[in-house]
Amino acid sequence: MPRVPSDDEDIASIRVSLARSGGTRRPCVRIPNDDELDGRVESGRCESLSLAAGDIVRVAVDREEYHAPVRSDSDGRLIRGAFDNRRLAREPGEGANRLAEWLAENGREPGDPVVLDVVVPGEQYGLRIPGERTVYDATRGPRSSLSDIARDLDG
């Protein structure tokens, strides 16, 4: 499993902001539309985040990997939580929301920026505080056919 630093040329770092969505008081990560990436890319190259509402992606926070459902609201795509496994990501409310914990530990509020690192487009991302550096274990998930089988078995 290759280890890749957040400042590696193959990692695209996108400045995103925290927002509130729906009735929740917790901040969530607002994902910009692909046509809004100009001026947000801090390093690397990125033409598309390869994220769609309904996706469940792996998100690294403080060197720990979690599973995050990509949601949407009237303002676009967002990530409301990161959970210990795919099942909990599909059924938020059952497990601990590691994204909310991390944001609270770092004093982040709606309107504050965070950095979204694109580690493996469409599969693996990282979140960090602007100016901080981290290292990711960059791995590709199983081929889609194996992933589909696992998802079916998971329920």
N, C-alpha and C. Protein backbone atom coordinates (compact mmCIF):
# COMPACT_ATOMS: atom_id res chain seq x y z
N MET A 1 0.85 -1.17 0.00
CA MET A 1 0.00 0.00 0.00
C MET A 1 0.90 1.23 0.00
N PRO A 2 0.88 2.01 -1.07
CA PRO A 2 1.74 3.19 -1.13
C PRO A 2 1.29 4.30 -0.19
N ARG A 3 2.26 4.90 0.45
CA ARG A 3 1.99 6.05 1.33
C ARG A 3 2.27 7.31 0.53
N VAL A 4 1.32 8.23 0.55
CA VAL A 4 1.42 9.43 -0.26
C VAL A 4 1.19 10.66 0.63
N PRO A 5 2.14 11.61 0.65
CA PRO A 5 1.92 12.82 1.44
C PRO A 5 0.90 13.75 0.77
N SER A 6 0.23 14.53 1.58
CA SER A 6 -0.80 15.43 1.06
C SER A 6 -0.24 16.48 0.10
N ASP A 7 1.07 16.75 0.18
CA ASP A 7 1.65 17.73 -0.74
C ASP A 7 2.31 17.08 -1.95
N ASP A 8 2.04 15.79 -2.20
CA ASP A 8 2.54 15.10 -3.39
C ASP A 8 1.89 15.68 -4.63
N GLU A 9 2.61 15.70 -5.73
CA GLU A 9 2.07 16.29 -6.97
C GLU A 9 0.89 15.51 -7.53
N ASP A 10 0.72 14.25 -7.13
CA ASP A 10 -0.41 13.46 -7.60
C ASP A 10 -1.68 13.67 -6.78
N ILE A 11 -1.59 14.40 -5.69
CA ILE A 11 -2.75 14.69 -4.86
C ILE A 11 -3.27 16.08 -5.21
N ALA A 12 -4.56 16.14 -5.57
CA ALA A 12 -5.19 17.44 -5.80
C ALA A 12 -5.78 17.90 -4.46
N SER A 13 -5.44 19.10 -4.05
CA SER A 13 -5.95 19.67 -2.79
C SER A 13 -6.92 20.79 -3.12
N ILE A 14 -8.15 20.64 -2.65
CA ILE A 14 -9.23 21.57 -2.97
C ILE A 14 -9.69 22.24 -1.68
N ARG A 15 -9.72 23.56 -1.67
CA ARG A 15 -10.25 24.29 -0.50
C ARG A 15 -11.77 24.26 -0.57
N VAL A 16 -12.37 23.72 0.49
CA VAL A 16 -13.82 23.65 0.58
C VAL A 16 -14.25 24.32 1.88
N SER A 17 -15.54 24.56 2.01
CA SER A 17 -16.00 25.24 3.22
C SER A 17 -17.02 24.38 3.96
N LEU A 18 -17.18 24.71 5.22
CA LEU A 18 -18.16 24.03 6.04
C LEU A 18 -19.46 24.81 5.99
N ALA A 19 -20.56 24.09 6.05
CA ALA A 19 -21.88 24.72 5.99
C ALA A 19 -22.83 23.94 6.90
N ARG A 20 -24.02 24.44 7.05
CA ARG A 20 -25.09 23.71 7.71
C ARG A 20 -26.05 23.27 6.61
N SER A 21 -26.65 22.12 6.81
CA SER A 21 -27.62 21.64 5.84
C SER A 21 -28.79 21.01 6.57
N GLY A 22 -29.97 21.35 6.15
CA GLY A 22 -31.15 20.80 6.78
C GLY A 22 -31.31 21.29 8.21
N GLY A 23 -31.90 20.47 9.07
CA GLY A 23 -32.17 20.87 10.43
C GLY A 23 -31.02 20.60 11.40
N THR A 24 -29.94 20.05 10.91
CA THR A 24 -28.83 19.71 11.81
C THR A 24 -28.06 20.94 12.25
N ARG A 25 -27.58 20.90 13.47
CA ARG A 25 -26.76 22.00 13.99
C ARG A 25 -25.28 21.75 13.69
N ARG A 26 -24.95 20.55 13.27
CA ARG A 26 -23.56 20.19 13.00
C ARG A 26 -23.11 20.70 11.64
N PRO A 27 -21.85 21.12 11.56
CA PRO A 27 -21.34 21.53 10.25
C PRO A 27 -21.14 20.32 9.34
N CYS A 28 -21.24 20.54 8.05
CA CYS A 28 -20.97 19.52 7.06
C CYS A 28 -20.03 20.11 6.02
N VAL A 29 -19.41 19.26 5.23
CA VAL A 29 -18.46 19.69 4.21
C VAL A 29 -19.21 19.92 2.91
N ARG A 30 -19.18 21.15 2.42
CA ARG A 30 -19.84 21.50 1.16
C ARG A 30 -18.87 21.17 0.02
N ILE A 31 -19.29 20.32 -0.90
CA ILE A 31 -18.47 19.90 -2.03
C ILE A 31 -18.81 20.78 -3.23
N PRO A 32 -17.84 21.51 -3.78
CA PRO A 32 -18.16 22.37 -4.92
C PRO A 32 -18.48 21.55 -6.17
N ASN A 33 -19.31 22.11 -7.02
CA ASN A 33 -19.56 21.50 -8.31
C ASN A 33 -18.27 21.55 -9.13
N ASP A 34 -18.15 20.65 -10.08
CA ASP A 34 -16.92 20.58 -10.87
C ASP A 34 -16.65 21.89 -11.63
N ASP A 35 -17.69 22.61 -12.03
CA ASP A 35 -17.47 23.87 -12.74
C ASP A 35 -17.11 25.02 -11.78
N GLU A 36 -17.04 24.75 -10.49
CA GLU A 36 -16.66 25.76 -9.49
C GLU A 36 -15.26 25.51 -8.92
N LEU A 37 -14.49 24.62 -9.53
CA LEU A 37 -13.18 24.26 -8.97
C LEU A 37 -12.11 25.32 -9.22
N ASP A 38 -12.28 26.14 -10.27
CA ASP A 38 -11.30 27.20 -10.53
C ASP A 38 -11.15 28.09 -9.31
N GLY A 39 -9.91 28.31 -8.90
CA GLY A 39 -9.64 29.15 -7.75
C GLY A 39 -9.69 28.40 -6.42
N ARG A 40 -10.16 27.15 -6.42
CA ARG A 40 -10.22 26.36 -5.19
C ARG A 40 -9.09 25.33 -5.12
N VAL A 41 -8.48 25.02 -6.26
CA VAL A 41 -7.41 24.02 -6.29
C VAL A 41 -6.14 24.65 -5.75
N GLU A 42 -5.68 24.16 -4.59
CA GLU A 42 -4.48 24.72 -3.96
C GLU A 42 -3.21 24.09 -4.49
N SER A 43 -3.29 22.81 -4.84
CA SER A 43 -2.13 22.13 -5.41
C SER A 43 -2.62 20.93 -6.21
N GLY A 44 -1.77 20.45 -7.10
CA GLY A 44 -2.16 19.36 -7.99
C GLY A 44 -3.08 19.86 -9.07
N ARG A 45 -3.67 18.92 -9.81
CA ARG A 45 -4.60 19.27 -10.88
C ARG A 45 -5.90 18.51 -10.66
N CYS A 46 -7.01 19.19 -10.90
CA CYS A 46 -8.31 18.56 -10.72
C CYS A 46 -9.33 19.22 -11.64
N GLU A 47 -9.90 18.42 -12.52
CA GLU A 47 -10.96 18.92 -13.38
C GLU A 47 -12.32 18.43 -12.91
N SER A 48 -12.31 17.32 -12.15
CA SER A 48 -13.54 16.75 -11.62
C SER A 48 -13.24 16.05 -10.30
N LEU A 49 -14.12 16.19 -9.33
CA LEU A 49 -13.95 15.50 -8.06
C LEU A 49 -14.42 14.05 -8.12
N SER A 50 -15.11 13.69 -9.20
CA SER A 50 -15.62 12.31 -9.39
C SER A 50 -16.49 11.87 -8.22
N LEU A 51 -17.34 12.77 -7.76
CA LEU A 51 -18.27 12.49 -6.66
C LEU A 51 -19.69 12.76 -7.12
N ALA A 52 -20.59 11.86 -6.76
CA ALA A 52 -22.00 12.05 -7.08
C ALA A 52 -22.83 11.74 -5.83
N ALA A 53 -23.96 12.41 -5.71
CA ALA A 53 -24.86 12.12 -4.60
C ALA A 53 -25.22 10.65 -4.63
N GLY A 54 -25.17 10.00 -3.47
CA GLY A 54 -25.44 8.58 -3.38
C GLY A 54 -24.18 7.73 -3.27
N ASP A 55 -23.04 8.28 -3.66
CA ASP A 55 -21.77 7.56 -3.52
C ASP A 55 -21.42 7.40 -2.05
N ILE A 56 -20.73 6.32 -1.75
CA ILE A 56 -20.10 6.16 -0.44
C ILE A 56 -18.61 6.03 -0.72
N VAL A 57 -17.84 6.99 -0.20
CA VAL A 57 -16.40 7.03 -0.47
C VAL A 57 -15.63 6.87 0.83
N ARG A 58 -14.37 6.51 0.69
CA ARG A 58 -13.49 6.43 1.85
C ARG A 58 -12.90 7.81 2.08
N VAL A 59 -12.91 8.25 3.34
CA VAL A 59 -12.38 9.56 3.70
C VAL A 59 -11.43 9.39 4.88
N ALA A 60 -10.20 9.86 4.69
CA ALA A 60 -9.20 9.81 5.76
C ALA A 60 -9.26 11.12 6.55
N VAL A 61 -9.32 10.98 7.87
CA VAL A 61 -9.33 12.12 8.79
C VAL A 61 -8.34 11.78 9.90
N ASP A 62 -7.35 12.63 10.11
CA ASP A 62 -6.33 12.36 11.14
C ASP A 62 -5.74 10.96 11.01
N ARG A 63 -5.40 10.58 9.78
CA ARG A 63 -4.74 9.30 9.46
C ARG A 63 -5.61 8.08 9.69
N GLU A 64 -6.88 8.27 9.98
CA GLU A 64 -7.84 7.15 10.12
C GLU A 64 -8.79 7.19 8.94
N GLU A 65 -9.12 6.01 8.41
CA GLU A 65 -10.00 5.96 7.25
C GLU A 65 -11.42 5.59 7.66
N TYR A 66 -12.37 6.35 7.12
CA TYR A 66 -13.78 6.14 7.40
C TYR A 66 -14.55 6.07 6.09
N HIS A 67 -15.85 5.85 6.19
CA HIS A 67 -16.73 5.78 5.02
C HIS A 67 -17.74 6.92 5.11
N ALA A 68 -17.87 7.66 4.01
CA ALA A 68 -18.72 8.85 4.02
C ALA A 68 -19.72 8.81 2.86
N PRO A 69 -21.00 8.97 3.17
CA PRO A 69 -21.98 9.08 2.09
C PRO A 69 -21.98 10.51 1.53
N VAL A 70 -22.04 10.60 0.22
CA VAL A 70 -22.15 11.90 -0.44
C VAL A 70 -23.64 12.17 -0.61
N ARG A 71 -24.09 13.28 -0.08
CA ARG A 71 -25.50 13.66 -0.14
C ARG A 71 -25.65 14.91 -1.00
N SER A 72 -26.88 15.33 -1.20
CA SER A 72 -27.11 16.59 -1.89
C SER A 72 -28.30 17.29 -1.27
N ASP A 73 -28.30 18.61 -1.42
CA ASP A 73 -29.44 19.42 -1.01
C ASP A 73 -29.63 20.47 -2.10
N SER A 74 -30.42 21.48 -1.83
CA SER A 74 -30.71 22.48 -2.87
C SER A 74 -29.48 23.28 -3.29
N ASP A 75 -28.41 23.27 -2.47
CA ASP A 75 -27.20 24.01 -2.80
C ASP A 75 -26.11 23.14 -3.43
N GLY A 76 -26.31 21.83 -3.54
CA GLY A 76 -25.33 20.96 -4.16
C GLY A 76 -24.93 19.78 -3.28
N ARG A 77 -23.72 19.26 -3.55
CA ARG A 77 -23.24 18.07 -2.85
C ARG A 77 -22.61 18.41 -1.50
N LEU A 78 -22.68 17.43 -0.58
CA LEU A 78 -22.09 17.64 0.74
C LEU A 78 -21.80 16.31 1.40
N ILE A 79 -20.93 16.38 2.40
CA ILE A 79 -20.64 15.23 3.26
C ILE A 79 -21.04 15.63 4.67
N ARG A 80 -22.01 14.91 5.22
CA ARG A 80 -22.51 15.23 6.57
C ARG A 80 -21.83 14.42 7.65
N GLY A 81 -21.22 13.29 7.27
CA GLY A 81 -20.62 12.44 8.29
C GLY A 81 -19.64 11.45 7.71
N ALA A 82 -18.80 10.92 8.58
CA ALA A 82 -17.85 9.86 8.23
C ALA A 82 -18.00 8.79 9.31
N PHE A 83 -18.10 7.53 8.89
CA PHE A 83 -18.45 6.45 9.80
C PHE A 83 -17.45 5.30 9.69
N ASP A 84 -17.47 4.43 10.69
CA ASP A 84 -16.46 3.38 10.79
C ASP A 84 -16.54 2.33 9.70
N ASN A 85 -17.71 2.11 9.09
CA ASN A 85 -17.80 1.13 8.00
C ASN A 85 -18.89 1.54 7.02
N ARG A 86 -18.98 0.81 5.91
CA ARG A 86 -19.94 1.16 4.85
C ARG A 86 -21.39 1.03 5.34
N ARG A 87 -21.67 0.01 6.15
CA ARG A 87 -23.04 -0.18 6.63
C ARG A 87 -23.49 1.03 7.45
N LEU A 88 -22.63 1.50 8.35
CA LEU A 88 -22.98 2.66 9.16
C LEU A 88 -23.11 3.91 8.29
N ALA A 89 -22.32 3.99 7.23
CA ALA A 89 -22.41 5.14 6.32
C ALA A 89 -23.74 5.15 5.58
N ARG A 90 -24.27 3.96 5.29
CA ARG A 90 -25.56 3.88 4.60
C ARG A 90 -26.72 4.16 5.55
N GLU A 91 -26.50 3.94 6.86
CA GLU A 91 -27.55 4.12 7.87
C GLU A 91 -27.09 5.09 8.95
N PRO A 92 -26.88 6.37 8.59
CA PRO A 92 -26.40 7.34 9.58
C PRO A 92 -27.33 7.39 10.79
N GLY A 93 -26.74 7.66 11.94
CA GLY A 93 -27.50 7.71 13.17
C GLY A 93 -27.21 6.52 14.06
N GLU A 94 -26.73 5.42 13.46
CA GLU A 94 -26.41 4.24 14.26
C GLU A 94 -25.02 4.32 14.87
N GLY A 95 -24.06 4.85 14.15
CA GLY A 95 -22.68 4.87 14.63
C GLY A 95 -22.19 6.27 14.92
N ALA A 96 -21.00 6.34 15.48
CA ALA A 96 -20.38 7.63 15.78
C ALA A 96 -20.02 8.36 14.48
N ASN A 97 -20.32 9.64 14.45
CA ASN A 97 -19.99 10.48 13.30
C ASN A 97 -18.58 11.04 13.51
N ARG A 98 -17.60 10.40 12.90
CA ARG A 98 -16.20 10.78 13.10
C ARG A 98 -15.89 12.15 12.48
N LEU A 99 -16.60 12.53 11.45
CA LEU A 99 -16.41 13.87 10.87
C LEU A 99 -16.83 14.94 11.87
N ALA A 100 -17.99 14.79 12.48
CA ALA A 100 -18.47 15.76 13.47
C ALA A 100 -17.50 15.84 14.65
N GLU A 101 -17.00 14.69 15.09
CA GLU A 101 -16.03 14.67 16.20
C GLU A 101 -14.77 15.44 15.83
N TRP A 102 -14.24 15.19 14.62
CA TRP A 102 -13.00 15.84 14.18
C TRP A 102 -13.20 17.35 14.05
N LEU A 103 -14.33 17.76 13.49
CA LEU A 103 -14.59 19.19 13.34
C LEU A 103 -14.69 19.86 14.72
N ALA A 104 -15.36 19.20 15.67
CA ALA A 104 -15.48 19.76 17.02
C ALA A 104 -14.12 19.84 17.71
N GLU A 105 -13.31 18.79 17.58
CA GLU A 105 -11.97 18.77 18.20
C GLU A 105 -11.08 19.89 17.66
N ASN A 106 -11.32 20.28 16.41
CA ASN A 106 -10.51 21.32 15.78
C ASN A 106 -11.18 22.69 15.77
N GLY A 107 -12.31 22.82 16.47
CA GLY A 107 -12.98 24.10 16.58
C GLY A 107 -13.48 24.65 15.26
N ARG A 108 -13.85 23.79 14.36
CA ARG A 108 -14.32 24.23 13.03
C ARG A 108 -15.83 24.46 13.06
N GLU A 109 -16.24 25.55 12.45
CA GLU A 109 -17.64 25.96 12.41
C GLU A 109 -18.06 26.22 10.97
N PRO A 110 -19.37 26.29 10.70
CA PRO A 110 -19.83 26.66 9.36
C PRO A 110 -19.17 27.97 8.91
N GLY A 111 -18.74 27.97 7.66
CA GLY A 111 -18.02 29.12 7.10
C GLY A 111 -16.51 28.93 7.11
N ASP A 112 -16.01 28.06 7.99
CA ASP A 112 -14.57 27.82 8.06
C ASP A 112 -14.12 26.95 6.88
N PRO A 113 -12.88 27.14 6.43
CA PRO A 113 -12.37 26.29 5.35
C PRO A 113 -11.73 25.01 5.89
N VAL A 114 -11.75 23.97 5.08
CA VAL A 114 -10.96 22.76 5.26
C VAL A 114 -10.43 22.39 3.87
N VAL A 115 -9.49 21.47 3.84
CA VAL A 115 -8.93 21.04 2.56
C VAL A 115 -9.39 19.63 2.27
N LEU A 116 -9.93 19.42 1.07
CA LEU A 116 -10.31 18.10 0.59
C LEU A 116 -9.23 17.64 -0.37
N ASP A 117 -8.52 16.57 0.00
CA ASP A 117 -7.49 16.00 -0.86
C ASP A 117 -8.08 14.85 -1.66
N VAL A 118 -7.83 14.86 -2.96
CA VAL A 118 -8.29 13.78 -3.84
C VAL A 118 -7.15 12.77 -3.93
N VAL A 119 -7.28 11.66 -3.21
CA VAL A 119 -6.24 10.65 -3.15
C VAL A 119 -6.39 9.67 -4.30
N VAL A 120 -7.57 9.05 -4.43
CA VAL A 120 -7.93 8.17 -5.54
C VAL A 120 -9.30 8.65 -6.02
N PRO A 121 -9.37 9.36 -7.15
CA PRO A 121 -10.64 9.95 -7.60
C PRO A 121 -11.78 8.93 -7.63
N GLY A 122 -12.91 9.34 -7.05
CA GLY A 122 -14.08 8.49 -7.02
C GLY A 122 -14.08 7.45 -5.91
N GLU A 123 -12.96 7.31 -5.19
CA GLU A 123 -12.86 6.27 -4.17
C GLU A 123 -12.36 6.76 -2.82
N GLN A 124 -11.25 7.50 -2.83
CA GLN A 124 -10.59 7.85 -1.57
C GLN A 124 -10.22 9.33 -1.53
N TYR A 125 -10.59 9.96 -0.41
CA TYR A 125 -10.35 11.38 -0.21
C TYR A 125 -9.79 11.58 1.19
N GLY A 126 -9.28 12.76 1.44
CA GLY A 126 -8.80 13.09 2.77
C GLY A 126 -9.27 14.48 3.15
N LEU A 127 -9.45 14.70 4.43
CA LEU A 127 -9.81 16.03 4.93
C LEU A 127 -8.75 16.46 5.93
N ARG A 128 -8.36 17.72 5.84
CA ARG A 128 -7.39 18.25 6.78
C ARG A 128 -7.61 19.75 6.96
N ILE A 129 -7.01 20.27 8.02
CA ILE A 129 -7.06 21.70 8.31
C ILE A 129 -6.08 22.40 7.38
N PRO A 130 -6.45 23.55 6.79
CA PRO A 130 -5.51 24.26 5.90
C PRO A 130 -4.17 24.51 6.59
N GLY A 131 -3.10 24.27 5.87
CA GLY A 131 -1.75 24.47 6.39
C GLY A 131 -1.16 23.24 7.03
N GLU A 132 -1.98 22.26 7.37
CA GLU A 132 -1.46 21.02 7.94
C GLU A 132 -1.09 20.05 6.82
N ARG A 133 -0.19 19.14 7.13
CA ARG A 133 0.27 18.14 6.18
C ARG A 133 -0.01 16.78 6.78
N THR A 134 -0.36 15.81 5.94
CA THR A 134 -0.60 14.45 6.41
C THR A 134 -0.11 13.46 5.37
N VAL A 135 -0.17 12.20 5.70
CA VAL A 135 0.21 11.13 4.77
C VAL A 135 -0.97 10.18 4.66
N TYR A 136 -1.27 9.78 3.43
CA TYR A 136 -2.38 8.87 3.16
C TYR A 136 -1.86 7.51 2.73
N ASP A 137 -2.59 6.45 3.09
CA ASP A 137 -2.34 5.12 2.55
C ASP A 137 -3.23 5.01 1.32
N ALA A 138 -2.65 5.24 0.16
CA ALA A 138 -3.43 5.29 -1.09
C ALA A 138 -3.69 3.87 -1.59
N THR A 139 -4.97 3.50 -1.60
CA THR A 139 -5.36 2.18 -2.09
C THR A 139 -6.58 2.31 -2.97
N ARG A 140 -6.60 1.49 -3.97
CA ARG A 140 -7.80 1.41 -4.81
C ARG A 140 -8.70 0.34 -4.23
N GLY A 141 -10.00 0.56 -4.34
CA GLY A 141 -10.95 -0.45 -3.88
C GLY A 141 -10.99 -1.62 -4.83
N PRO A 142 -11.78 -2.64 -4.51
CA PRO A 142 -11.90 -3.79 -5.40
C PRO A 142 -12.55 -3.39 -6.71
N ARG A 143 -12.32 -4.22 -7.74
CA ARG A 143 -13.00 -3.98 -9.01
C ARG A 143 -14.49 -3.87 -8.75
N SER A 144 -15.19 -3.14 -9.58
CA SER A 144 -16.60 -2.87 -9.32
C SER A 144 -17.41 -4.15 -9.16
N SER A 145 -17.12 -5.20 -9.92
CA SER A 145 -17.91 -6.43 -9.79
C SER A 145 -17.75 -7.03 -8.39
N LEU A 146 -16.54 -7.04 -7.85
CA LEU A 146 -16.32 -7.54 -6.50
C LEU A 146 -16.96 -6.61 -5.47
N SER A 147 -16.87 -5.33 -5.72
CA SER A 147 -17.48 -4.35 -4.82
C SER A 147 -18.99 -4.53 -4.80
N ASP A 148 -19.59 -4.76 -5.96
CA ASP A 148 -21.05 -4.96 -6.04
C ASP A 148 -21.48 -6.20 -5.26
N ILE A 149 -20.70 -7.29 -5.38
CA ILE A 149 -21.00 -8.52 -4.64
C ILE A 149 -20.94 -8.26 -3.14
N ALA A 150 -19.89 -7.58 -2.70
CA ALA A 150 -19.73 -7.27 -1.27
C ALA A 150 -20.88 -6.40 -0.79
N ARG A 151 -21.27 -5.43 -1.59
CA ARG A 151 -22.36 -4.54 -1.22
C ARG A 151 -23.66 -5.32 -1.08
N ASP A 152 -23.90 -6.28 -2.01
CA ASP A 152 -25.10 -7.10 -1.93
C ASP A 152 -25.09 -7.96 -0.67
N LEU A 153 -23.95 -8.50 -0.31
CA LEU A 153 -23.85 -9.33 0.89
C LEU A 153 -24.01 -8.50 2.15
N ASP A 154 -23.54 -7.26 2.10
CA ASP A 154 -23.65 -6.36 3.25
C ASP A 154 -25.10 -6.00 3.56
N GLY A 155 -25.93 -6.07 2.55
CA GLY A 155 -27.35 -5.73 2.77
C GLY A 155 -27.63 -4.47 2.17
